[in-house]
Protein backbone atom coordinates (compact mmCIF):
# COMPACT_ATOMS: atom_id res chain seq x y z
CA MET A 1 38.09 57.38 -133.37
CA ASN A 2 41.26 58.95 -131.34
CA TYR A 3 39.83 60.70 -128.34
CA ALA A 4 43.11 62.87 -128.88
CA ASN A 5 41.49 63.70 -131.92
CA TYR A 6 39.00 66.85 -130.41
CA ALA A 7 42.72 68.43 -129.97
CA CYS A 8 43.31 68.76 -133.74
CA LEU A 9 40.06 69.71 -134.31
CA HIS A 10 39.76 72.84 -131.79
CA ALA A 11 43.45 73.96 -133.24
CA ARG A 12 42.11 74.26 -137.07
CA ASN A 13 38.83 75.43 -135.74
CA LEU A 14 39.77 77.83 -132.71
CA PRO A 15 43.74 78.22 -133.25
CA GLU A 16 43.68 81.38 -131.34
CA LYS A 17 40.95 80.98 -128.76
CA ILE A 18 42.48 80.48 -125.32
CA CYS A 19 42.11 76.12 -124.22
CA LEU A 20 44.02 76.16 -120.73
CA ILE A 21 44.58 78.79 -117.88
CA GLU A 22 47.16 77.41 -115.42
CA ARG A 23 47.24 79.22 -112.60
CA THR A 24 49.77 79.32 -109.11
CA PRO A 25 48.32 81.20 -106.57
CA ALA A 26 51.53 80.93 -104.53
CA THR A 27 53.73 82.02 -106.84
CA SER A 28 51.18 84.45 -108.36
CA THR A 29 52.04 83.31 -111.68
CA ARG A 30 50.01 82.67 -114.84
CA ARG A 31 50.40 80.11 -118.19
CA THR A 32 48.02 79.77 -120.83
CA LEU A 33 47.59 77.76 -124.36
CA THR A 34 45.70 78.33 -127.26
CA TRP A 35 44.40 75.46 -128.69
CA LYS A 36 46.71 75.41 -131.58
CA GLU A 37 50.02 76.03 -129.19
CA PHE A 38 47.89 72.61 -126.58
CA ASN A 39 48.10 70.79 -130.27
CA GLN A 40 51.46 71.78 -131.55
CA SER A 41 52.91 70.79 -127.28
CA ILE A 42 51.49 67.66 -127.83
CA ASN A 43 52.42 66.62 -131.15
CA ARG A 44 55.94 67.74 -130.20
CA VAL A 45 55.96 65.41 -127.05
CA ALA A 46 53.93 62.81 -128.67
CA ASN A 47 56.60 62.67 -131.57
CA TYR A 48 59.56 63.13 -129.81
CA MET A 49 57.95 60.10 -127.73
CA SER A 50 57.62 57.58 -131.02
CA LYS A 51 60.32 58.31 -133.02
CA GLU A 52 63.26 58.89 -130.12
CA LEU A 53 61.47 56.07 -127.50
CA GLY A 54 59.82 54.15 -129.41
CA ILE A 55 56.51 54.15 -128.16
CA GLU A 56 53.28 52.77 -130.44
CA ARG A 57 50.09 52.23 -130.68
CA GLY A 58 48.77 49.62 -127.52
CA ASP A 59 52.24 50.53 -125.54
CA TYR A 60 51.59 51.29 -121.78
CA VAL A 61 53.01 54.39 -120.11
CA MET A 62 52.68 55.45 -116.64
CA HIS A 63 51.99 58.69 -115.44
CA LEU A 64 53.06 60.31 -112.11
CA GLN A 65 52.22 63.77 -111.62
CA ASN A 66 50.28 67.12 -110.03
CA ASN A 67 47.80 69.13 -111.65
CA SER A 68 49.86 71.42 -114.47
CA LEU A 69 49.54 72.26 -118.03
CA GLU A 70 52.23 69.71 -118.11
CA TRP A 71 50.04 66.81 -116.99
CA LEU A 72 47.20 67.24 -119.46
CA VAL A 73 49.71 67.74 -122.57
CA SER A 74 51.67 64.43 -121.68
CA TYR A 75 48.16 62.73 -121.21
CA TYR A 76 46.80 63.83 -124.46
CA ALA A 77 50.15 62.85 -126.14
CA ILE A 78 50.54 59.05 -125.20
CA ILE A 79 46.67 58.66 -126.08
CA LYS A 80 47.21 60.28 -129.92
CA LEU A 81 50.14 57.78 -130.23
CA GLY A 82 47.44 55.03 -129.72
CA ALA A 83 49.53 54.25 -126.56
CA VAL A 84 47.69 53.39 -122.84
CA VAL A 85 48.07 56.30 -120.46
CA VAL A 86 48.50 54.87 -116.37
CA PRO A 87 47.22 58.03 -114.47
CA LEU A 88 48.50 57.65 -111.27
CA ASN A 89 47.42 58.76 -107.62
CA PHE A 90 49.69 61.60 -106.43
CA ARG A 91 49.61 59.87 -102.69
CA PHE A 92 50.85 56.78 -104.09
CA VAL A 93 54.10 55.09 -102.45
CA GLY A 94 56.33 53.00 -103.69
CA ASN A 95 54.55 49.17 -103.22
CA ASP A 96 51.56 51.18 -105.07
CA ILE A 97 53.72 52.47 -107.76
CA LYS A 98 55.08 48.71 -108.19
CA PHE A 99 51.55 46.98 -108.30
CA ALA A 100 50.55 49.95 -111.13
CA ALA A 101 53.72 48.97 -112.90
CA GLU A 102 52.83 44.76 -112.36
CA CYS A 103 49.45 45.20 -113.95
CA SER A 104 50.63 48.09 -117.14
CA ASN A 105 54.15 46.45 -117.92
CA PRO A 106 54.83 50.09 -118.74
CA LYS A 107 57.43 50.98 -121.35
CA ALA A 108 57.68 54.24 -120.01
CA PHE A 109 56.68 56.15 -117.30
CA ILE A 110 55.95 60.56 -116.75
CA LEU A 111 56.78 61.86 -113.37
CA GLY A 112 56.76 65.28 -111.76
CA SER A 113 60.45 65.86 -110.27
CA GLU A 114 58.30 66.19 -106.44
CA PHE A 115 58.04 62.50 -107.09
CA LEU A 116 61.32 61.36 -107.38
CA PRO A 117 61.56 60.38 -103.30
CA VAL A 118 59.13 58.26 -104.07
CA VAL A 119 60.19 56.68 -107.36
CA GLU A 120 63.92 56.35 -106.64
CA PRO A 121 63.70 53.46 -104.34
CA VAL A 122 61.27 51.46 -106.16
CA ARG A 123 63.43 52.34 -110.10
CA GLU A 124 65.24 49.16 -109.83
CA GLU A 125 62.04 46.75 -109.54
CA LEU A 126 60.33 48.66 -112.95
CA THR A 127 62.20 46.38 -114.51
CA THR A 128 59.26 47.14 -118.14
CA ILE A 129 60.26 50.64 -117.98
CA LYS A 130 62.67 51.56 -120.77
CA ASN A 131 62.64 55.54 -120.22
CA PHE A 132 61.68 57.62 -117.34
CA ILE A 133 60.98 60.93 -118.24
CA CYS A 134 60.65 63.77 -115.76
CA VAL A 135 59.12 66.83 -115.42
CA GLY A 136 60.29 69.76 -113.22
CA GLU A 137 63.58 71.40 -112.52
CA LYS A 138 65.58 68.65 -110.61
CA VAL A 139 66.12 65.77 -113.16
CA GLY A 140 66.31 62.30 -111.71
CA ASP A 141 69.69 60.47 -112.82
CA GLY A 142 69.68 59.03 -116.01
CA MET A 143 66.29 60.22 -116.73
CA ILE A 144 64.86 62.51 -119.61
CA ASP A 145 64.40 65.96 -119.11
CA TYR A 146 61.04 66.40 -120.28
CA ARG A 147 61.98 70.27 -121.40
CA GLU A 148 63.48 68.04 -124.60
CA LEU A 149 60.15 66.73 -125.10
CA ALA A 150 58.56 70.05 -125.06
CA ALA A 151 61.36 71.76 -127.31
CA TYR A 152 61.76 69.15 -130.02
CA ASP A 153 61.49 70.57 -133.38
CA ASP A 154 58.87 68.04 -134.91
CA SER A 155 55.53 69.88 -134.56
CA SER A 156 53.50 67.38 -137.86
CA GLU A 157 50.43 66.17 -137.09
CA ALA A 158 51.03 62.77 -134.77
CA LEU A 159 46.82 61.15 -134.15
CA VAL A 160 47.45 57.49 -134.92
CA ASP A 161 43.74 56.06 -135.63
CA VAL A 162 42.59 53.46 -133.63
CA LYS A 163 39.30 51.82 -132.86
CA ALA A 164 36.49 52.92 -130.96
CA GLU A 165 37.32 49.92 -128.43
CA ALA A 166 41.11 50.16 -127.98
CA VAL A 167 41.86 51.33 -124.67
CA LEU A 168 42.93 54.36 -123.77
CA ALA A 169 43.63 54.42 -119.96
CA MET A 170 43.66 52.46 -117.31
CA MET A 171 42.52 54.19 -114.49
CA PHE A 172 42.75 52.71 -110.28
CA THR A 173 40.08 53.26 -108.44
CA SER A 174 40.12 55.43 -104.88
CA GLY A 175 40.34 52.44 -102.98
CA THR A 176 37.86 53.64 -100.30
CA THR A 177 36.92 50.14 -100.42
CA GLY A 178 39.74 47.93 -100.18
CA LYS A 179 43.01 48.16 -103.03
CA PRO A 180 43.01 50.20 -105.86
CA LYS A 181 41.56 48.65 -108.80
CA PRO A 182 42.79 48.82 -112.22
CA VAL A 183 40.23 49.69 -114.43
CA LEU A 184 40.33 50.33 -118.20
CA HIS A 185 38.45 53.04 -120.37
CA THR A 186 38.18 53.09 -124.05
CA HIS A 187 37.98 55.81 -126.75
CA PHE A 188 34.82 55.22 -127.26
CA SER A 189 33.81 55.15 -123.16
CA LEU A 190 35.35 58.50 -123.05
CA ASN A 191 33.98 60.03 -125.45
CA ASN A 192 30.82 58.64 -124.61
CA THR A 193 31.40 60.48 -121.52
CA ALA A 194 32.49 64.07 -123.56
CA ILE A 195 28.86 63.82 -124.88
CA GLY A 196 27.09 62.49 -121.99
CA ASN A 197 28.32 65.48 -119.39
CA GLY A 198 28.27 68.05 -122.33
CA MET A 199 24.53 67.26 -123.23
CA SER A 200 23.55 67.16 -119.09
CA TYR A 201 25.46 69.86 -117.85
CA PHE A 202 24.54 72.00 -121.06
CA VAL A 203 28.06 72.63 -121.87
CA GLU A 204 29.05 75.40 -124.92
CA LYS A 205 31.88 76.51 -126.89
CA ASN A 206 32.76 79.67 -124.20
CA ASP A 207 32.40 78.36 -121.11
CA ASN A 208 35.01 78.04 -118.70
CA TYR A 209 35.94 75.08 -116.02
CA LEU A 210 38.02 75.31 -113.24
CA PHE A 211 39.04 72.56 -111.57
CA PHE A 212 41.92 72.33 -108.93
CA LEU A 213 40.85 68.21 -107.59
CA PRO A 214 43.39 65.94 -108.91
CA LEU A 215 43.24 65.24 -113.13
CA TYR A 216 44.04 61.57 -112.34
CA HIS A 217 40.96 61.41 -110.70
CA SER A 218 37.48 60.21 -112.69
CA GLY A 219 35.28 62.79 -111.33
CA THR A 220 37.95 66.02 -112.54
CA MET A 221 39.01 64.74 -115.86
CA PHE A 222 35.52 63.02 -116.97
CA LEU A 223 33.85 66.43 -116.23
CA TRP A 224 36.76 68.10 -117.89
CA ALA A 225 35.47 66.12 -120.82
CA PRO A 226 32.89 67.77 -122.04
CA PHE A 227 34.46 70.98 -122.04
CA TYR A 228 37.71 69.80 -124.12
CA ALA A 229 35.50 67.96 -126.93
CA THR A 230 33.51 71.30 -127.18
CA GLY A 231 36.56 73.39 -127.64
CA ALA A 232 35.62 75.42 -124.37
CA THR A 233 38.43 76.64 -121.34
CA GLY A 234 40.18 74.83 -118.65
CA THR A 235 41.47 76.43 -115.85
CA ILE A 236 44.00 74.48 -113.79
CA LEU A 237 44.82 76.04 -109.88
CA ARG A 238 47.73 74.69 -108.73
CA ASP A 239 48.73 74.31 -105.12
CA LEU A 240 46.26 74.67 -103.43
CA LYS A 241 46.00 76.06 -99.64
CA ASP A 242 43.82 78.87 -99.23
CA PRO A 243 39.76 78.76 -100.09
CA LYS A 244 39.87 81.88 -101.12
CA TRP A 245 42.05 81.55 -104.04
CA ILE A 246 39.13 78.91 -105.71
CA ILE A 247 36.63 82.33 -105.21
CA GLU A 248 39.79 84.74 -107.14
CA ALA A 249 40.21 82.01 -109.57
CA LEU A 250 36.57 82.34 -110.35
CA ALA A 251 36.19 85.80 -110.42
CA GLU A 252 39.43 86.69 -112.38
CA GLU A 253 39.12 84.02 -114.71
CA LYS A 254 35.51 84.32 -115.75
CA ALA A 255 35.40 79.96 -114.65
CA THR A 256 31.27 79.52 -115.19
CA ASP A 257 31.94 75.64 -113.78
CA VAL A 258 33.77 73.95 -110.90
CA LEU A 259 33.57 71.14 -108.89
CA PHE A 260 33.62 70.72 -104.86
CA VAL A 261 33.80 68.04 -102.58
CA VAL A 262 32.32 68.04 -99.05
CA PRO A 263 36.03 69.44 -97.40
CA ILE A 264 36.47 71.69 -99.94
CA ALA A 265 32.72 72.97 -99.78
CA VAL A 266 33.10 73.04 -95.62
CA ALA A 267 36.30 74.85 -96.06
CA ILE A 268 34.62 77.69 -98.03
CA LEU A 269 31.28 78.10 -96.10
CA ASN A 270 34.00 78.22 -92.72
CA ALA A 271 35.79 81.11 -94.34
CA ILE A 272 32.65 82.72 -95.33
CA ALA A 273 31.46 82.66 -92.00
CA LYS A 274 34.63 83.96 -90.56
CA GLY A 275 34.93 86.80 -92.91
CA GLU A 276 37.51 85.65 -94.78
CA ILE A 277 36.17 85.43 -97.87
CA ASN A 278 33.06 88.20 -98.97
CA LEU A 279 32.09 87.26 -101.84
CA LYS A 280 30.81 91.10 -102.67
CA ASP A 281 34.20 91.83 -102.96
CA TYR A 282 34.23 89.67 -105.98
CA ASP A 283 32.63 89.73 -109.73
CA LEU A 284 30.97 86.34 -109.75
CA SER A 285 28.44 86.69 -112.98
CA ALA A 286 29.88 84.12 -114.66
CA TRP A 287 29.44 81.64 -112.42
CA ARG A 288 26.74 79.51 -113.64
CA TYR A 289 26.67 76.17 -112.06
CA MET A 290 28.95 74.21 -109.25
CA GLU A 291 28.55 70.25 -109.25
CA ILE A 292 29.17 68.51 -105.64
CA GLY A 293 29.94 64.63 -105.25
CA ALA A 294 32.20 62.29 -104.85
CA GLN A 295 30.84 61.46 -101.73
CA PRO A 296 27.21 61.62 -100.16
CA VAL A 297 26.39 65.77 -98.88
CA PRO A 298 25.36 66.56 -95.55
CA PHE A 299 21.62 68.40 -95.88
CA ASP A 300 23.11 71.16 -93.69
CA VAL A 301 26.45 71.85 -96.04
CA MET A 302 23.81 71.78 -99.29
CA LYS A 303 21.74 74.34 -97.50
CA ARG A 304 24.13 76.67 -96.90
CA LEU A 305 26.02 76.44 -99.99
CA VAL A 306 22.54 77.12 -101.54
CA ASP A 307 22.08 80.09 -99.31
CA LEU A 308 25.21 81.88 -99.70
CA LEU A 309 26.51 81.06 -103.09
CA PRO A 310 25.51 83.14 -106.52
CA CYS A 311 25.37 80.20 -109.05
CA GLY A 312 23.47 77.21 -109.18
CA VAL A 313 24.46 74.16 -107.21
CA SER A 314 23.84 70.66 -108.15
CA ASN A 315 24.35 67.44 -106.41
CA ILE A 316 25.91 64.74 -108.82
CA TYR A 317 27.33 60.93 -108.55
CA GLY A 318 29.35 58.75 -110.58
CA ILE A 319 32.18 56.20 -110.24
CA THR A 320 35.09 55.10 -112.08
CA GLU A 321 33.80 52.50 -113.66
CA GLY A 322 30.95 53.98 -114.81
CA GLY A 323 32.31 57.06 -116.27
CA GLY A 324 33.51 59.23 -113.59
CA GLY A 325 31.18 61.78 -112.38
CA GLY A 326 28.00 63.01 -113.32
CA THR A 327 26.03 59.35 -114.12
CA PHE A 328 24.03 60.52 -112.32
CA ASN A 329 22.93 64.23 -111.15
CA LEU A 330 20.32 66.76 -109.08
CA TYR A 331 19.82 69.91 -110.63
CA PRO A 332 19.77 73.39 -108.83
CA ASP A 333 15.81 74.04 -108.56
CA GLU A 334 15.70 70.28 -106.49
CA VAL A 335 18.71 69.89 -104.35
CA LEU A 336 16.62 71.90 -101.62
CA GLU A 337 13.43 70.27 -102.27
CA ARG A 338 14.61 66.62 -102.33
CA PRO A 339 17.47 66.77 -99.59
CA GLY A 340 19.71 63.79 -100.06
CA SER A 341 18.75 63.06 -103.76
CA ILE A 342 21.64 62.49 -105.79
CA GLY A 343 18.97 63.12 -108.99
CA LYS A 344 18.20 60.59 -112.24
CA PRO A 345 20.48 59.51 -114.33
CA THR A 346 22.07 61.62 -117.10
CA PHE A 347 21.99 61.49 -120.57
CA GLY A 348 22.73 58.09 -121.83
CA VAL A 349 22.16 56.36 -118.41
CA GLU A 350 19.84 53.81 -117.93
CA ALA A 351 19.66 52.45 -113.94
CA ARG A 352 17.39 50.27 -111.75
CA LEU A 353 18.23 48.68 -108.29
CA VAL A 354 17.99 45.24 -107.40
CA ASP A 355 18.08 42.86 -104.61
CA PHE A 356 20.15 39.97 -104.37
CA ALA A 357 18.36 38.34 -106.54
CA GLY A 358 18.83 41.31 -109.50
CA ASN A 359 15.17 41.62 -108.56
CA GLU A 360 14.23 45.70 -109.20
CA VAL A 361 12.76 46.98 -105.79
CA LYS A 362 10.29 49.06 -105.15
CA PRO A 363 10.28 52.68 -104.33
CA GLU A 364 11.58 53.83 -100.89
CA ALA A 365 13.38 50.24 -100.45
CA VAL A 366 17.08 49.71 -100.19
CA GLY A 367 18.36 47.85 -103.40
CA GLU A 368 21.79 48.06 -105.27
CA LEU A 369 22.35 50.53 -107.57
CA ILE A 370 23.12 48.83 -111.21
CA PHE A 371 23.13 50.84 -114.67
CA LYS A 372 23.89 50.30 -118.09
CA THR A 373 25.57 53.15 -120.89
CA PRO A 374 28.55 53.47 -123.42
CA ARG A 375 30.48 55.54 -120.58
CA MET A 376 31.02 52.09 -118.97
CA MET A 377 34.63 50.64 -118.58
CA GLN A 378 35.74 47.71 -120.41
CA GLY A 379 36.41 45.58 -117.46
CA TYR A 380 38.72 45.05 -114.68
CA PHE A 381 43.00 44.71 -116.40
CA GLY A 382 44.09 40.82 -115.28
CA ASN A 383 40.70 40.20 -113.21
CA PRO A 384 37.87 37.95 -115.74
CA GLU A 385 36.33 36.59 -112.00
CA MET A 386 36.03 40.48 -110.37
CA THR A 387 34.77 41.70 -114.22
CA ALA A 388 32.59 39.01 -114.26
CA ASP A 389 30.94 40.25 -110.63
CA SER A 390 30.77 43.65 -112.04
CA LEU A 391 29.28 43.36 -115.46
CA LYS A 392 26.28 41.47 -115.87
CA ASP A 393 24.50 41.35 -118.91
CA GLY A 394 25.25 44.96 -119.96
CA TRP A 395 24.72 46.24 -116.87
CA LEU A 396 27.50 47.09 -114.49
CA TYR A 397 26.89 46.77 -110.25
CA THR A 398 28.11 49.34 -108.10
CA GLY A 399 28.00 47.98 -104.79
CA ASP A 400 26.58 51.19 -103.87
CA LEU A 401 22.99 51.21 -101.83
CA LEU A 402 20.36 53.30 -102.91
CA LYS A 403 16.67 54.19 -102.54
CA THR A 404 14.11 55.68 -104.92
CA ASP A 405 11.20 57.75 -104.31
CA VAL A 406 7.75 57.78 -106.35
CA ASP A 407 9.01 60.47 -108.25
CA GLY A 408 12.32 57.97 -109.34
CA PHE A 409 14.68 60.69 -107.74
CA TYR A 410 17.83 58.42 -106.31
CA TYR A 411 19.23 58.67 -102.53
CA ILE A 412 22.15 57.49 -101.51
CA VAL A 413 21.86 55.00 -98.47
CA ASP A 414 25.43 53.75 -98.52
CA ARG A 415 28.12 51.24 -99.98
CA LYS A 416 27.26 47.75 -99.22
CA LYS A 417 30.69 47.06 -97.37
CA ASP A 418 29.95 50.41 -95.08
CA MET A 419 26.77 48.33 -93.56
CA ILE A 420 27.14 48.25 -89.94
CA THR A 421 24.65 45.06 -88.70
CA SER A 422 24.23 45.77 -85.12
CA GLY A 423 21.96 43.57 -82.88
CA GLY A 424 20.46 41.76 -86.05
CA GLU A 425 19.38 45.55 -87.50
CA ASN A 426 21.12 46.77 -90.61
CA ILE A 427 22.71 50.35 -89.74
CA PHE A 428 23.57 52.86 -92.28
CA PRO A 429 26.24 55.27 -91.23
CA VAL A 430 25.50 57.45 -94.24
CA GLU A 431 22.34 58.34 -92.05
CA ILE A 432 24.27 58.90 -88.82
CA GLU A 433 27.08 60.99 -90.34
CA ASP A 434 24.49 63.42 -91.97
CA ALA A 435 22.71 63.72 -88.81
CA LEU A 436 25.83 64.47 -86.58
CA MET A 437 26.77 67.14 -89.12
CA GLU A 438 24.40 68.83 -87.86
CA HIS A 439 25.66 69.86 -85.16
CA PRO A 440 27.40 73.68 -84.83
CA ASP A 441 30.63 72.51 -83.69
CA ILE A 442 31.16 69.56 -85.69
CA ASP A 443 33.44 70.06 -88.95
CA ASP A 444 33.47 66.46 -90.56
CA VAL A 445 32.29 63.07 -89.06
CA ALA A 446 32.45 59.32 -90.20
CA CYS A 447 30.96 56.08 -88.84
CA ILE A 448 32.24 52.60 -88.91
CA GLY A 449 31.32 49.47 -87.40
CA THR A 450 33.54 48.39 -84.33
CA PRO A 451 32.99 45.31 -82.28
CA ASP A 452 30.77 44.45 -79.43
CA GLU A 453 30.39 41.68 -76.93
CA ARG A 454 26.25 41.68 -77.15
CA LEU A 455 25.73 43.15 -80.05
CA VAL A 456 28.23 42.06 -82.16
CA GLU A 457 29.02 45.46 -84.09
CA ALA A 458 28.15 48.61 -82.45
CA VAL A 459 28.81 52.71 -84.20
CA MET A 460 31.88 54.43 -83.64
CA ALA A 461 31.81 57.86 -84.58
CA ILE A 462 34.73 59.68 -85.82
CA ILE A 463 34.40 63.04 -85.10
CA GLN A 464 36.33 66.41 -86.52
CA LEU A 465 35.79 69.58 -84.51
CA LYS A 466 35.45 73.11 -85.98
CA GLU A 467 38.56 74.76 -84.84
CA GLY A 468 38.47 76.33 -81.18
CA ARG A 469 35.57 74.35 -80.25
CA THR A 470 35.40 71.66 -77.83
CA LEU A 471 32.01 69.02 -77.41
CA ALA A 472 32.39 66.36 -74.99
CA ALA A 473 31.33 62.79 -75.76
CA GLU A 474 27.94 62.82 -73.39
CA GLU A 475 26.67 66.14 -74.86
CA LEU A 476 27.26 64.87 -78.56
CA LEU A 477 25.00 61.67 -77.90
CA GLU A 478 22.04 64.22 -76.33
CA PHE A 479 21.99 65.72 -79.37
CA ALA A 480 22.40 62.32 -81.45
CA LYS A 481 18.84 60.87 -79.42
CA THR A 482 17.24 64.20 -80.92
CA LYS A 483 17.91 63.25 -84.39
CA LEU A 484 18.36 59.02 -84.32
CA ALA A 485 16.53 56.09 -83.36
CA ALA A 486 18.27 54.66 -80.15
CA TYR A 487 19.78 51.63 -82.20
CA LYS A 488 21.82 53.87 -84.54
CA LEU A 489 23.23 55.83 -81.51
CA PRO A 490 27.21 56.07 -81.56
CA ARG A 491 28.33 53.64 -78.92
CA VAL A 492 31.85 55.22 -79.34
CA VAL A 493 33.36 58.10 -79.70
CA LYS A 494 36.75 59.20 -81.24
CA PHE A 495 37.69 62.93 -81.32
CA ASP A 496 40.12 63.13 -84.36
CA GLN A 497 40.97 64.00 -87.90
CA VAL A 498 38.35 62.48 -90.21
CA MET A 499 40.38 60.41 -92.90
CA ARG A 500 39.90 61.26 -96.58
CA ASN A 501 41.42 61.30 -100.18
CA PRO A 502 42.49 63.74 -102.35
CA THR A 503 38.81 63.68 -103.74
CA GLY A 504 37.19 64.07 -100.68
CA LYS A 505 36.02 60.29 -99.76
CA LEU A 506 36.22 59.08 -96.36
CA MET A 507 38.59 56.29 -96.08
CA LYS A 508 36.99 53.76 -93.81
CA PRO A 509 39.06 50.51 -94.07
CA GLN A 510 42.23 52.70 -93.18
CA MET A 511 39.67 54.23 -89.98
CA ARG A 512 38.24 51.07 -89.19
CA GLU A 513 42.22 49.34 -89.46
CA LYS A 514 43.28 52.31 -87.19
CA TYR A 515 40.66 52.38 -84.39
CA THR A 516 39.64 48.11 -84.64
CA GLY A 517 42.22 47.02 -86.18
CA ARG A 518 40.47 45.34 -88.92
CA LYS A 519 40.34 46.98 -92.78
CA GLU A 520 37.06 45.12 -94.16
CA ALA A 521 33.73 46.30 -92.14
CA PHE A 522 32.43 42.99 -89.83
CA GLN A 523 29.34 42.27 -92.48
CA SER A 524 28.66 42.48 -95.84
CA LEU A 525 25.76 41.87 -98.24
CA VAL A 526 28.15 40.35 -100.91
């Protein structure tokens, strides 16, 4: 049951259909691969790795590249051999790379040449790696030029049969609540992710999924999965520096679906407001669907998206351990009727909210989200204790605090580790962030707990203003008083850039360390 088999099937049944499009607006370049070309490219790379480098079923291969055709070709080449791919965050530094290598004991490492300055200083410490393969114009000393793999003269079918429970990937969580955790996904879980998202988002063969968020992240890769499995098209947008490039790609490639995160959505909305993007200048008739997620979406942002964009806007939720983006979905006709909701579980997902004792809570009560699905991880690599804490009797304990309404729609309240306990009151930062985002001068906001002699912990708000705007702390607090109860008001205000990771998630541990000197929240529900 090799997940790479879909590429083989489509190469036979849809050989001339476009599989992938790569756009690099900064250089005005465009590359394409048909399904036949995609599968042949995978086979060449896989056969080289197998015959020349000795990569076998069960071997681990680290993978560090920016989004590109080569990213996907090399990814599927690794799993086609029955080996395990270890996609790395492009923000990883040397210590992170060493940590990933210690977890996976990789036999080879495929990296983009732009990452040589990060990899070279730790290269001698990556002792299990026998071969480094470099993608790009500059090739590191003693490394194999990826172009040798791409031009290998053997494109015969390289597919290796594997069991459903065989590990396909070691994926690292984004680390927004601490050190990234190595998550093991299998051919079975990825296949069920493709099926689940395909059934939930009505993916069809002639659809075209535009992605510009990093492919190493489970949200992007797992939302691409149903398009890959269906034989649809994917459009890769590289070097994203201008939100206008997203709209241009949607129009010119007739894309039907795209995933946003809050910072990207806000950038596009701001560009529309400034007149830098006029949607009437583009043919967006093919654009059916836009998902937004990876963090709670302020209602003001959601409403502006619904009002301005010519497509359906959907709010989604997912975590790496549970099969990535799309395990919950709020469909377009509901997003304004259910402010703040992430909807209901999608195809193949069963969910509950429980208290500390594991008892299911009633509607409107806050509980920890747990769910079960065939999309779920196998576990955390090398950490049976953490796996046992997260996987209990077939249920995944997410660490996210949610509530439901009487109709069964789910609402994110906050992360357990991000909750602030002030003067004996439990305060959920998401509620404050959502309220403050309604201020017309605010571009982004994050709230964390800060030590307080009387209250033990108080609310600190980090405020990122829109370009050219000014706002005094006193003015902000007066505005907040119209939205929030007194005990929820920020007692400390910092005007600064809000820290988010490449997939848009708030980096609370890093902000806590920067402003309070500690990474972890003072109080935890664990």
